[in-house]
Protein backbone atom coordinates (compact mmCIF):
# COMPACT_ATOMS: atom_id res chain seq x y z
CA MET A 1 114.72 102.53 59.36
CA SER A 2 116.59 105.33 60.95
CA LYS A 3 120.32 105.27 62.00
CA SER A 4 119.48 105.63 65.61
CA ALA A 5 116.59 103.20 65.46
CA ARG A 6 119.48 100.29 63.83
CA ARG A 7 121.85 101.53 66.66
CA LYS A 8 118.82 101.31 69.54
CA GLY A 9 119.88 98.62 71.74
CA ARG A 10 123.33 97.68 70.39
CA PRO A 11 126.15 98.92 72.31
CA THR A 12 128.15 101.59 70.16
CA PRO A 13 132.05 100.22 70.68
CA ALA A 14 134.23 102.63 71.98
CA ARG A 15 136.77 104.24 70.31
CA SER A 16 140.58 103.73 71.50
CA VAL A 17 142.69 107.11 71.85
CA ALA A 18 146.31 105.78 70.49
CA CYS A 19 148.78 106.46 72.64
CA PRO A 20 150.94 109.60 72.95
CA CYS A 21 154.13 108.23 73.06
CA GLY A 22 154.28 107.01 69.39
CA LEU A 23 153.46 103.25 69.90
CA PRO A 24 150.27 101.79 67.80
CA GLU A 25 148.48 100.34 70.84
CA ALA A 26 145.73 102.53 72.33
CA TYR A 27 146.62 104.58 75.39
CA GLU A 28 144.67 102.30 77.99
CA ALA A 29 146.79 99.38 76.84
CA CYS A 30 150.18 100.87 76.47
CA CYS A 31 151.11 103.91 79.06
CA GLY A 32 147.77 104.32 80.32
CA ARG A 33 147.92 100.81 82.45
CA PHE A 34 151.33 102.38 84.43
CA HIS A 35 149.65 105.84 85.32
CA SER A 36 146.41 104.20 86.17
CA GLY A 37 147.70 100.75 87.52
CA PRO A 38 150.03 99.09 90.32
CA ALA A 39 152.19 97.57 86.97
CA GLY A 40 155.58 99.06 86.62
CA ALA A 41 157.28 99.96 83.42
CA PRO A 42 158.93 96.89 82.47
CA SER A 43 162.56 98.77 80.79
CA ALA A 44 163.82 102.19 80.83
CA GLU A 45 162.42 102.83 77.32
CA ALA A 46 158.45 102.19 78.45
CA LEU A 47 159.18 104.36 81.21
CA MET A 48 160.44 107.17 78.98
CA ARG A 49 157.35 106.70 76.85
CA SER A 50 155.06 106.82 79.57
CA ARG A 51 156.64 109.54 81.41
CA TYR A 52 156.49 111.62 77.62
CA CYS A 53 152.64 110.53 77.90
CA ALA A 54 152.48 112.18 81.78
CA PHE A 55 153.86 115.32 80.30
CA VAL A 56 151.26 115.37 77.57
CA ARG A 57 148.62 114.71 80.22
CA LEU A 58 149.74 117.18 82.94
CA ASP A 59 150.03 113.83 85.22
CA GLU A 60 152.43 115.53 88.12
CA GLY A 61 151.40 112.84 90.16
CA TYR A 62 153.23 110.12 87.89
CA LEU A 63 156.36 111.95 87.14
CA LEU A 64 157.15 112.46 90.69
CA ARG A 65 156.21 108.62 91.63
CA THR A 66 158.54 107.91 88.90
CA TRP A 67 161.47 110.03 89.36
CA HIS A 68 164.12 108.87 91.88
CA PRO A 69 163.97 109.85 95.42
CA ARG A 70 167.61 111.47 95.46
CA THR A 71 167.03 113.67 92.66
CA ARG A 72 162.87 114.27 92.68
CA PRO A 73 162.04 118.07 93.07
CA GLY A 74 159.17 118.79 95.35
CA THR A 75 157.06 120.06 92.51
CA LEU A 76 157.10 120.71 88.90
CA GLY A 77 154.45 123.16 87.85
CA LEU A 78 153.64 122.00 84.35
CA ASP A 79 152.29 124.48 82.00
CA PRO A 80 148.67 123.76 80.74
CA GLY A 81 149.47 125.67 77.59
CA MET A 82 152.50 123.24 76.29
CA ARG A 83 151.64 121.22 72.81
CA TRP A 84 153.59 118.29 72.81
CA THR A 85 153.21 116.48 69.33
CA GLY A 86 155.68 113.54 69.39
CA LEU A 87 158.39 111.43 70.54
CA GLU A 88 160.96 109.91 68.57
CA ILE A 89 163.49 107.51 70.53
CA LEU A 90 166.60 107.68 69.30
CA GLY A 91 168.64 105.07 71.31
CA THR A 92 168.75 103.11 74.44
CA GLU A 93 171.22 101.53 76.44
CA GLY A 94 170.86 98.88 78.99
CA GLY A 95 167.37 99.50 80.58
CA SER A 96 166.27 95.81 80.24
CA THR A 97 165.22 93.29 83.05
CA PHE A 98 168.77 92.23 83.13
CA HIS A 99 170.20 95.80 83.91
CA GLY A 100 169.92 97.78 86.81
CA THR A 101 170.45 101.30 85.00
CA GLY A 102 170.05 102.18 81.58
CA THR A 103 169.87 105.19 79.44
CA VAL A 104 167.27 106.40 76.63
CA THR A 105 168.08 109.13 73.93
CA PHE A 106 165.04 110.51 72.64
CA ARG A 107 163.27 113.67 70.95
CA ALA A 108 160.22 115.37 72.18
CA SER A 109 158.51 117.67 70.24
CA PHE A 110 156.05 120.26 71.17
CA GLU A 111 154.60 123.10 69.44
CA GLY A 112 157.34 125.91 68.46
CA GLY A 113 160.59 123.17 69.05
CA SER A 114 161.64 120.21 70.24
CA LEU A 115 163.84 118.80 73.64
CA HIS A 116 166.64 116.42 72.59
CA GLU A 117 167.66 114.77 75.91
CA ARG A 118 169.70 111.50 77.00
CA SER A 119 167.64 110.48 80.14
CA ARG A 120 169.66 108.37 82.98
CA PHE A 121 167.14 105.13 85.16
CA GLU A 122 167.75 103.06 87.80
CA ARG A 123 165.96 100.55 89.19
CA VAL A 124 165.19 100.74 92.74
CA GLU A 125 163.13 98.12 94.62
CA GLU A 126 162.57 96.28 91.20
CA ALA A 127 160.93 99.67 89.77
CA TRP A 128 162.35 101.82 86.92
CA VAL A 129 162.90 105.26 88.05
CA TYR A 130 164.04 108.67 86.07
CA VAL A 131 167.11 109.80 87.71
CA ASP A 132 168.14 112.97 85.25
CA GLY A 133 169.11 113.83 81.89
CA ASP A 134 171.59 115.85 79.53
CA PHE A 135 170.08 118.48 77.05
CA LEU A 136 171.58 117.30 73.57
CA ASP A 137 171.97 119.92 70.66
């Protein structure tokens, strides 16, 4: 019996794609649930990870929705040629369900370099949003 005959009639399991944020879950179960649904990130770190994934996936709508209204730009003009290669969370302060503010220090790598930033987050109407950040050496 050929392979195709053996597989006929049996569903092929879908292969999950790992989340670009670096956590072991599949994208759909990790940051994808924030991108596609009404659920919001439960912490500043989770929002940071989901925003990194949005940069990887060129999801400008999500990035703008999760940006604080007082600092949000009109558009982002994401570069489709940018290739993000990894995210490393270096530290967090606050940013849990018990906080109204938080910071996440991270390094986001891309082909040819990296971005090192300390980002500030706030809760607006119970949802975490990105406020701004400081670039670090």
